[in-house]
PDB file of N, CA and C in Angstrom:
ATOM      1  N   MET A   1     142.077  62.117 133.587  1.00  0.00           N
ATOM      2  CA  MET A   1     142.544  63.352 132.963  1.00  0.00           C
ATOM      3  C   MET A   1     144.067  63.396 132.944  1.00  0.00           C
ATOM      4  N   ARG A   2     144.695  62.936 134.026  1.00  0.00           N
ATOM      5  CA  ARG A   2     146.153  62.941 134.078  1.00  0.00           C
ATOM      6  C   ARG A   2     146.755  62.103 132.965  1.00  0.00           C
ATOM      7  N   ILE A   3     146.136  60.959 132.701  1.00  0.00           N
ATOM      8  CA  ILE A   3     146.644  60.079 131.652  1.00  0.00           C
ATOM      9  C   ILE A   3     146.516  60.747 130.297  1.00  0.00           C
ATOM     10  N   ALA A   4     145.400  61.424 130.059  1.00  0.00           N
ATOM     11  CA  ALA A   4     145.203  62.113 128.785  1.00  0.00           C
ATOM     12  C   ALA A   4     146.249  63.211 128.598  1.00  0.00           C
ATOM     13  N   VAL A   5     146.535  63.963 129.651  1.00  0.00           N
ATOM     14  CA  VAL A   5     147.541  65.024 129.564  1.00  0.00           C
ATOM     15  C   VAL A   5     148.920  64.420 129.344  1.00  0.00           C
ATOM     16  N   ALA A   6     149.221  63.328 130.044  1.00  0.00           N
ATOM     17  CA  ALA A   6     150.525  62.679 129.871  1.00  0.00           C
ATOM     18  C   ALA A   6     150.684  62.156 128.447  1.00  0.00           C
ATOM     19  N   ALA A   7     149.626  61.559 127.911  1.00  0.00           N
ATOM     20  CA  ALA A   7     149.680  61.069 126.536  1.00  0.00           C
ATOM     21  C   ALA A   7     149.857  62.216 125.558  1.00  0.00           C
ATOM     22  N   LEU A   8     149.172  63.301 125.808  1.00  0.00           N
ATOM     23  CA  LEU A   8     149.274  64.472 124.939  1.00  0.00           C
ATOM     24  C   LEU A   8     150.684  65.049 124.980  1.00  0.00           C
ATOM     25  N   LEU A   9     151.266  65.109 126.170  1.00  0.00           N
ATOM     26  CA  LEU A   9     152.639  65.615 126.287  1.00  0.00           C
ATOM     27  C   LEU A   9     153.619  64.722 125.529  1.00  0.00           C
ATOM     28  N   ALA A  10     153.404  63.414 125.608  1.00  0.00           N
ATOM     29  CA  ALA A  10     154.272  62.490 124.884  1.00  0.00           C
ATOM     30  C   ALA A  10     154.155  62.711 123.380  1.00  0.00           C
ATOM     31  N   LEU A  11     152.940  62.905 122.894  1.00  0.00           N
ATOM     32  CA  LEU A  11     152.748  63.154 121.465  1.00  0.00           C
ATOM     33  C   LEU A  11     153.359  64.472 121.038  1.00  0.00           C
ATOM     34  N   LEU A  12     153.275  65.472 121.904  1.00  0.00           N
ATOM     35  CA  LEU A  12     153.836  66.781 121.555  1.00  0.00           C
ATOM     36  C   LEU A  12     155.356  66.768 121.515  1.00  0.00           C
ATOM     37  N   ALA A  13     155.965  65.768 122.121  1.00  0.00           N
ATOM     38  CA  ALA A  13     157.426  65.670 122.118  1.00  0.00           C
ATOM     39  C   ALA A  13     157.959  65.186 120.772  1.00  0.00           C
ATOM     40  N   TRP A  14     157.111  64.572 119.939  1.00  0.00           N
ATOM     41  CA  TRP A  14     157.526  64.113 118.621  1.00  0.00           C
ATOM     42  C   TRP A  14     157.860  65.312 117.744  1.00  0.00           C
ATOM     43  N   PRO A  15     158.754  65.150 116.813  1.00  0.00           N
ATOM     44  CA  PRO A  15     159.053  66.260 115.903  1.00  0.00           C
ATOM     45  C   PRO A  15     157.784  66.709 115.177  1.00  0.00           C
ATOM     46  N   ALA A  16     157.614  67.992 115.119  1.00  0.00           N
ATOM     47  CA  ALA A  16     156.403  68.552 114.508  1.00  0.00           C
ATOM     48  C   ALA A  16     156.500  68.515 112.986  1.00  0.00           C
ATOM     49  N   PRO A  17     155.392  68.198 112.332  1.00  0.00           N
ATOM     50  CA  PRO A  17     155.378  68.298 110.871  1.00  0.00           C
ATOM     51  C   PRO A  17     155.425  69.772 110.481  1.00  0.00           C
ATOM     52  N   ALA A  18     155.630  70.043 109.229  1.00  0.00           N
ATOM     53  CA  ALA A  18     155.646  71.434 108.769  1.00  0.00           C
ATOM     54  C   ALA A  18     154.324  72.090 109.153  1.00  0.00           C
ATOM     55  N   GLN A  19     154.407  73.226 109.816  1.00  0.00           N
ATOM     56  CA  GLN A  19     153.206  73.902 110.279  1.00  0.00           C
ATOM     57  C   GLN A  19     152.656  74.827 109.203  1.00  0.00           C
ATOM     58  N   ASP A  20     151.348  74.974 109.214  1.00  0.00           N
ATOM     59  CA  ASP A  20     150.640  75.808 108.263  1.00  0.00           C
ATOM     60  C   ASP A  20     149.869  76.865 109.056  1.00  0.00           C
ATOM     61  N   ALA A  21     150.432  78.061 109.148  1.00  0.00           N
ATOM     62  CA  ALA A  21     149.822  79.131 109.949  1.00  0.00           C
ATOM     63  C   ALA A  21     148.462  79.547 109.400  1.00  0.00           C
ATOM     64  N   GLN A  22     148.273  79.531 108.090  1.00  0.00           N
ATOM     65  CA  GLN A  22     146.976  79.904 107.509  1.00  0.00           C
ATOM     66  C   GLN A  22     145.909  78.909 107.929  1.00  0.00           C
ATOM     67  N   ARG A  23     146.246  77.641 107.870  1.00  0.00           N
ATOM     68  CA  ARG A  23     145.320  76.601 108.302  1.00  0.00           C
ATOM     69  C   ARG A  23     145.045  76.749 109.805  1.00  0.00           C
ATOM     70  N   GLY A  24     146.088  77.048 110.568  1.00  0.00           N
ATOM     71  CA  GLY A  24     145.935  77.258 112.007  1.00  0.00           C
ATOM     72  C   GLY A  24     145.010  78.419 112.308  1.00  0.00           C
ATOM     73  N   ARG A  25     145.122  79.473 111.519  1.00  0.00           N
ATOM     74  CA  ARG A  25     144.239  80.624 111.703  1.00  0.00           C
ATOM     75  C   ARG A  25     142.785  80.233 111.466  1.00  0.00           C
ATOM     76  N   SER A  26     142.568  79.480 110.411  1.00  0.00           N
ATOM     77  CA  SER A  26     141.212  79.038 110.089  1.00  0.00           C
ATOM     78  C   SER A  26     140.635  78.168 111.207  1.00  0.00           C
ATOM     79  N   LEU A  27     141.431  77.230 111.702  1.00  0.00           N
ATOM     80  CA  LEU A  27     140.991  76.388 112.815  1.00  0.00           C
ATOM     81  C   LEU A  27     140.704  77.224 114.056  1.00  0.00           C
ATOM     82  N   TYR A  28     141.598  78.150 114.348  1.00  0.00           N
ATOM     83  CA  TYR A  28     141.441  79.017 115.519  1.00  0.00           C
ATOM     84  C   TYR A  28     140.156  79.844 115.413  1.00  0.00           C
ATOM     85  N   GLU A  29     139.961  80.460 114.264  1.00  0.00           N
ATOM     86  CA  GLU A  29     138.777  81.308 114.086  1.00  0.00           C
ATOM     87  C   GLU A  29     137.482  80.494 114.122  1.00  0.00           C
ATOM     88  N   THR A  30     137.534  79.266 113.657  1.00  0.00           N
ATOM     89  CA  THR A  30     136.346  78.420 113.635  1.00  0.00           C
ATOM     90  C   THR A  30     136.026  77.825 115.003  1.00  0.00           C
ATOM     91  N   HIS A  31     137.050  77.386 115.719  1.00  0.00           N
ATOM     92  CA  HIS A  31     136.810  76.626 116.951  1.00  0.00           C
ATOM     93  C   HIS A  31     137.163  77.343 118.248  1.00  0.00           C
ATOM     94  N   CYS A  32     138.068  78.281 118.211  1.00  0.00           N
ATOM     95  CA  CYS A  32     138.571  78.867 119.458  1.00  0.00           C
ATOM     96  C   CYS A  32     137.925  80.211 119.802  1.00  0.00           C
ATOM     97  N   LEU A  33     137.616  80.988 118.784  1.00  0.00           N
ATOM     98  CA  LEU A  33     137.046  82.315 119.035  1.00  0.00           C
ATOM     99  C   LEU A  33     135.636  82.254 119.607  1.00  0.00           C
ATOM    100  N   THR A  34     135.016  81.082 119.593  1.00  0.00           N
ATOM    101  CA  THR A  34     133.678  80.969 120.172  1.00  0.00           C
ATOM    102  C   THR A  34     133.711  81.127 121.688  1.00  0.00           C
ATOM    103  N   CYS A  35     134.855  80.863 122.306  1.00  0.00           N
ATOM    104  CA  CYS A  35     134.968  80.963 123.772  1.00  0.00           C
ATOM    105  C   CYS A  35     135.711  82.202 124.256  1.00  0.00           C
ATOM    106  N   HIS A  36     136.612  82.720 123.469  1.00  0.00           N
ATOM    107  CA  HIS A  36     137.353  83.910 123.909  1.00  0.00           C
ATOM    108  C   HIS A  36     137.805  84.732 122.718  1.00  0.00           C
ATOM    109  N   TYR A  37     138.125  85.964 123.030  1.00  0.00           N
ATOM    110  CA  TYR A  37     138.599  86.887 121.994  1.00  0.00           C
ATOM    111  C   TYR A  37     140.100  86.774 121.841  1.00  0.00           C
ATOM    112  N   GLU A  38     140.609  87.211 120.694  1.00  0.00           N
ATOM    113  CA  GLU A  38     142.053  87.165 120.454  1.00  0.00           C
ATOM    114  C   GLU A  38     142.830  88.057 121.413  1.00  0.00           C
ATOM    115  N   ARG A  39     142.179  89.015 122.014  1.00  0.00           N
ATOM    116  CA  ARG A  39     142.911  89.924 122.893  1.00  0.00           C
ATOM    117  C   ARG A  39     143.550  89.208 124.083  1.00  0.00           C
ATOM    118  N   ILE A  40     143.095  87.992 124.400  1.00  0.00           N
ATOM    119  CA  ILE A  40     143.723  87.239 125.483  1.00  0.00           C
ATOM    120  C   ILE A  40     145.201  87.008 125.172  1.00  0.00           C
ATOM    121  N   HIS A  41     145.542  86.953 123.909  1.00  0.00           N
ATOM    122  CA  HIS A  41     146.932  86.714 123.509  1.00  0.00           C
ATOM    123  C   HIS A  41     147.747  88.002 123.487  1.00  0.00           C
ATOM    124  N   ARG A  42     147.106  89.115 123.705  1.00  0.00           N
ATOM    125  CA  ARG A  42     147.801  90.405 123.643  1.00  0.00           C
ATOM    126  C   ARG A  42     148.027  91.011 125.019  1.00  0.00           C
ATOM    127  N   ARG A  43     147.917  90.202 126.051  1.00  0.00           N
ATOM    128  CA  ARG A  43     148.135  90.734 127.391  1.00  0.00           C
ATOM    129  C   ARG A  43     149.606  91.097 127.585  1.00  0.00           C
ATOM    130  N   GLU A  44     149.866  91.869 128.589  1.00  0.00           N
ATOM    131  CA  GLU A  44     151.229  92.280 128.937  1.00  0.00           C
ATOM    132  C   GLU A  44     152.108  91.029 129.045  1.00  0.00           C
ATOM    133  N   PRO A  45     153.228  90.981 128.332  1.00  0.00           N
ATOM    134  CA  PRO A  45     154.073  89.774 128.353  1.00  0.00           C
ATOM    135  C   PRO A  45     154.455  89.315 129.762  1.00  0.00           C
ATOM    136  N   SER A  46     154.652  90.232 130.670  1.00  0.00           N
ATOM    137  CA  SER A  46     155.029  89.837 132.029  1.00  0.00           C
ATOM    138  C   SER A  46     153.889  89.103 132.744  1.00  0.00           C
ATOM    139  N   ARG A  47     152.645  89.260 132.265  1.00  0.00           N
ATOM    140  CA  ARG A  47     151.493  88.587 132.861  1.00  0.00           C
ATOM    141  C   ARG A  47     151.109  87.309 132.129  1.00  0.00           C
ATOM    142  N   SER A  48     151.770  87.039 131.035  1.00  0.00           N
ATOM    143  CA  SER A  48     151.446  85.868 130.230  1.00  0.00           C
ATOM    144  C   SER A  48     151.996  84.594 130.860  1.00  0.00           C
ATOM    145  N   LEU A  49     151.221  83.521 130.753  1.00  0.00           N
ATOM    146  CA  LEU A  49     151.675  82.206 131.215  1.00  0.00           C
ATOM    147  C   LEU A  49     152.622  81.570 130.200  1.00  0.00           C
ATOM    148  N   VAL A  50     152.623  82.092 128.995  1.00  0.00           N
ATOM    149  CA  VAL A  50     153.387  81.517 127.891  1.00  0.00           C
ATOM    150  C   VAL A  50     154.690  82.287 127.707  1.00  0.00           C
ATOM    151  N   LYS A  51     155.800  81.589 127.952  1.00  0.00           N
ATOM    152  CA  LYS A  51     157.124  82.207 127.803  1.00  0.00           C
ATOM    153  C   LYS A  51     157.976  81.503 126.750  1.00  0.00           C
ATOM    154  N   THR A  52     157.596  80.274 126.396  1.00  0.00           N
ATOM    155  CA  THR A  52     158.355  79.492 125.419  1.00  0.00           C
ATOM    156  C   THR A  52     157.387  78.846 124.423  1.00  0.00           C
ATOM    157  N   LEU A  53     157.923  78.404 123.317  1.00  0.00           N
ATOM    158  CA  LEU A  53     157.108  77.721 122.310  1.00  0.00           C
ATOM    159  C   LEU A  53     156.535  76.427 122.884  1.00  0.00           C
ATOM    160  N   ALA A  54     157.297  75.735 123.697  1.00  0.00           N
ATOM    161  CA  ALA A  54     156.795  74.502 124.329  1.00  0.00           C
ATOM    162  C   ALA A  54     155.598  74.813 125.233  1.00  0.00           C
ATOM    163  N   GLN A  55     155.656  75.912 125.963  1.00  0.00           N
ATOM    164  CA  GLN A  55     154.528  76.303 126.809  1.00  0.00           C
ATOM    165  C   GLN A  55     153.309  76.671 125.962  1.00  0.00           C
ATOM    166  N   LEU A  56     153.534  77.318 124.827  1.00  0.00           N
ATOM    167  CA  LEU A  56     152.426  77.657 123.940  1.00  0.00           C
ATOM    168  C   LEU A  56     151.780  76.388 123.401  1.00  0.00           C
ATOM    169  N   ARG A  57     152.595  75.414 122.978  1.00  0.00           N
ATOM    170  CA  ARG A  57     152.058  74.136 122.500  1.00  0.00           C
ATOM    171  C   ARG A  57     151.195  73.475 123.577  1.00  0.00           C
ATOM    172  N   LEU A  58     151.707  73.464 124.795  1.00  0.00           N
ATOM    173  CA  LEU A  58     150.987  72.843 125.903  1.00  0.00           C
ATOM    174  C   LEU A  58     149.680  73.577 126.192  1.00  0.00           C
ATOM    175  N   GLU A  59     149.702  74.890 126.207  1.00  0.00           N
ATOM    176  CA  GLU A  59     148.480  75.682 126.450  1.00  0.00           C
ATOM    177  C   GLU A  59     147.434  75.405 125.378  1.00  0.00           C
ATOM    178  N   VAL A  60     147.854  75.389 124.122  1.00  0.00           N
ATOM    179  CA  VAL A  60     146.916  75.119 123.028  1.00  0.00           C
ATOM    180  C   VAL A  60     146.299  73.735 123.218  1.00  0.00           C
ATOM    181  N   ALA A  61     147.118  72.740 123.513  1.00  0.00           N
ATOM    182  CA  ALA A  61     146.620  71.371 123.686  1.00  0.00           C
ATOM    183  C   ALA A  61     145.691  71.261 124.890  1.00  0.00           C
ATOM    184  N   GLN A  62     146.068  71.883 126.003  1.00  0.00           N
ATOM    185  CA  GLN A  62     145.234  71.814 127.203  1.00  0.00           C
ATOM    186  C   GLN A  62     143.912  72.540 127.018  1.00  0.00           C
ATOM    187  N   ARG A  63     143.940  73.693 126.398  1.00  0.00           N
ATOM    188  CA  ARG A  63     142.695  74.449 126.157  1.00  0.00           C
ATOM    189  C   ARG A  63     141.777  73.679 125.222  1.00  0.00           C
ATOM    190  N   ALA A  64     142.341  73.063 124.193  1.00  0.00           N
ATOM    191  CA  ALA A  64     141.530  72.280 123.258  1.00  0.00           C
ATOM    192  C   ALA A  64     140.897  71.086 123.975  1.00  0.00           C
ATOM    193  N   ALA A  65     141.698  70.376 124.766  1.00  0.00           N
ATOM    194  CA  ALA A  65     141.177  69.219 125.501  1.00  0.00           C
ATOM    195  C   ALA A  65     140.097  69.652 126.494  1.00  0.00           C
ATOM    196  N   GLY A  66     140.337  70.755 127.185  1.00  0.00           N
ATOM    197  CA  GLY A  66     139.369  71.257 128.152  1.00  0.00           C
ATOM    198  C   GLY A  66     138.051  71.668 127.518  1.00  0.00           C
ATOM    199  N   ALA A  67     138.108  72.084 126.262  1.00  0.00           N
ATOM    200  CA  ALA A  67     136.899  72.495 125.539  1.00  0.00           C
ATOM    201  C   ALA A  67     136.259  71.328 124.798  1.00  0.00           C
ATOM    202  N   GLY A  68     136.878  70.145 124.913  1.00  0.00           N
ATOM    203  CA  GLY A  68     136.322  68.981 124.239  1.00  0.00           C
ATOM    204  C   GLY A  68     136.603  68.928 122.750  1.00  0.00           C
ATOM    205  N   GLN A  69     137.562  69.725 122.287  1.00  0.00           N
ATOM    206  CA  GLN A  69     137.915  69.720 120.861  1.00  0.00           C
ATOM    207  C   GLN A  69     138.786  68.500 120.571  1.00  0.00           C
ATOM    208  N   ARG A  70     138.509  67.831 119.503  1.00  0.00           N
ATOM    209  CA  ARG A  70     139.274  66.646 119.097  1.00  0.00           C
ATOM    210  C   ARG A  70     140.166  67.001 117.913  1.00  0.00           C
ATOM    211  N   PHE A  71     141.218  67.747 118.196  1.00  0.00           N
ATOM    212  CA  PHE A  71     142.161  68.149 117.168  1.00  0.00           C
ATOM    213  C   PHE A  71     143.232  67.088 117.008  1.00  0.00           C
ATOM    214  N   SER A  72     143.733  66.954 115.796  1.00  0.00           N
ATOM    215  CA  SER A  72     144.894  66.096 115.557  1.00  0.00           C
ATOM    216  C   SER A  72     146.142  66.857 116.015  1.00  0.00           C
ATOM    217  N   ILE A  73     147.250  66.154 116.086  1.00  0.00           N
ATOM    218  CA  ILE A  73     148.521  66.806 116.423  1.00  0.00           C
ATOM    219  C   ILE A  73     148.833  67.873 115.380  1.00  0.00           C
ATOM    220  N   GLU A  74     148.565  67.571 114.119  1.00  0.00           N
ATOM    221  CA  GLU A  74     148.794  68.545 113.049  1.00  0.00           C
ATOM    222  C   GLU A  74     147.939  69.800 113.261  1.00  0.00           C
ATOM    223  N   ASP A  75     146.683  69.610 113.653  1.00  0.00           N
ATOM    224  CA  ASP A  75     145.809  70.753 113.939  1.00  0.00           C
ATOM    225  C   ASP A  75     146.394  71.609 115.056  1.00  0.00           C
ATOM    226  N   LEU A  76     146.813  70.949 116.134  1.00  0.00           N
ATOM    227  CA  LEU A  76     147.371  71.671 117.281  1.00  0.00           C
ATOM    228  C   LEU A  76     148.633  72.433 116.894  1.00  0.00           C
ATOM    229  N   GLU A  77     149.480  71.794 116.083  1.00  0.00           N
ATOM    230  CA  GLU A  77     150.709  72.456 115.637  1.00  0.00           C
ATOM    231  C   GLU A  77     150.399  73.654 114.746  1.00  0.00           C
ATOM    232  N   ASP A  78     149.401  73.526 113.887  1.00  0.00           N
ATOM    233  CA  ASP A  78     149.032  74.638 113.006  1.00  0.00           C
ATOM    234  C   ASP A  78     148.457  75.805 113.810  1.00  0.00           C
ATOM    235  N   ILE A  79     147.636  75.507 114.799  1.00  0.00           N
ATOM    236  CA  ILE A  79     147.098  76.571 115.664  1.00  0.00           C
ATOM    237  C   ILE A  79     148.229  77.232 116.438  1.00  0.00           C
ATOM    238  N   THR A  80     149.135  76.437 116.958  1.00  0.00           N
ATOM    239  CA  THR A  80     150.293  76.979 117.681  1.00  0.00           C
ATOM    240  C   THR A  80     151.122  77.874 116.773  1.00  0.00           C
ATOM    241  N   GLU A  81     151.359  77.428 115.548  1.00  0.00           N
ATOM    242  CA  GLU A  81     152.135  78.228 114.588  1.00  0.00           C
ATOM    243  C   GLU A  81     151.438  79.558 114.303  1.00  0.00           C
ATOM    244  N   TYR A  82     150.138  79.500 114.089  1.00  0.00           N
ATOM    245  CA  TYR A  82     149.387  80.738 113.848  1.00  0.00           C
ATOM    246  C   TYR A  82     149.516  81.691 115.035  1.00  0.00           C
ATOM    247  N   LEU A  83     149.282  81.192 116.240  1.00  0.00           N
ATOM    248  CA  LEU A  83     149.349  82.051 117.418  1.00  0.00           C
ATOM    249  C   LEU A  83     150.757  82.596 117.640  1.00  0.00           C
ATOM    250  N   ASN A  84     151.754  81.771 117.369  1.00  0.00           N
ATOM    251  CA  ASN A  84     153.121  82.249 117.552  1.00  0.00           C
ATOM    252  C   ASN A  84     153.458  83.347 116.552  1.00  0.00           C
ATOM    253  N   ARG A  85     153.090  83.150 115.305  1.00  0.00           N
ATOM    254  CA  ARG A  85     153.383  84.177 114.289  1.00  0.00           C
ATOM    255  C   ARG A  85     152.578  85.453 114.501  1.00  0.00           C
ATOM    256  N   SER A  86     151.331  85.297 114.915  1.00  0.00           N
ATOM    257  CA  SER A  86     150.458  86.468 114.995  1.00  0.00           C
ATOM    258  C   SER A  86     150.545  87.211 116.326  1.00  0.00           C
ATOM    259  N   HIS A  87     150.912  86.531 117.398  1.00  0.00           N
ATOM    260  CA  HIS A  87     150.862  87.165 118.719  1.00  0.00           C
ATOM    261  C   HIS A  87     152.132  87.015 119.568  1.00  0.00           C
ATOM    262  N   TYR A  88     152.646  85.806 119.679  1.00  0.00           N
ATOM    263  CA  TYR A  88     153.704  85.547 120.675  1.00  0.00           C
ATOM    264  C   TYR A  88     155.109  85.798 120.178  1.00  0.00           C
ATOM    265  N   ARG A  89     155.389  85.396 118.950  1.00  0.00           N
ATOM    266  CA  ARG A  89     156.721  85.558 118.347  1.00  0.00           C
ATOM    267  C   ARG A  89     157.837  84.972 119.219  1.00  0.00           C
ATOM    268  N   LEU A  90     157.634  83.734 119.632  1.00  0.00           N
ATOM    269  CA  LEU A  90     158.613  83.025 120.460  1.00  0.00           C
ATOM    270  C   LEU A  90     159.657  82.355 119.581  1.00  0.00           C
ATOM    271  N   ALA A  91     160.852  82.240 120.105  1.00  0.00           N
ATOM    272  CA  ALA A  91     161.942  81.592 119.349  1.00  0.00           C
ATOM    273  C   ALA A  91     161.659  80.105 119.178  1.00  0.00           C
ATOM    274  N   LYS A  92     162.040  79.596 118.007  1.00  0.00           N
ATOM    275  CA  LYS A  92     161.830  78.161 117.726  1.00  0.00           C
ATOM    276  C   LYS A  92     163.015  77.361 118.124  1.00  0.00           C
TER     277      LYS A  92
END
């Protein structure tokens, strides 16, 4: 598992392709809402584990891997973009 996370972190360090928030929303609604509701992203900011865009990218990747989802880097970036625009609004 450590190797998979390390490899994922290395891939996430590459410059991101142009993100598509609409596509990210579709992926999120299809694959992510089956396990949790969107309200998890609306918790009090002081209680959130996500404080930066890099942390959001990592959370999305770790949650996907933990759920056995085989998303491409582009998929992960699109989901991250959707969540950032719709809930987190973190600086880029």
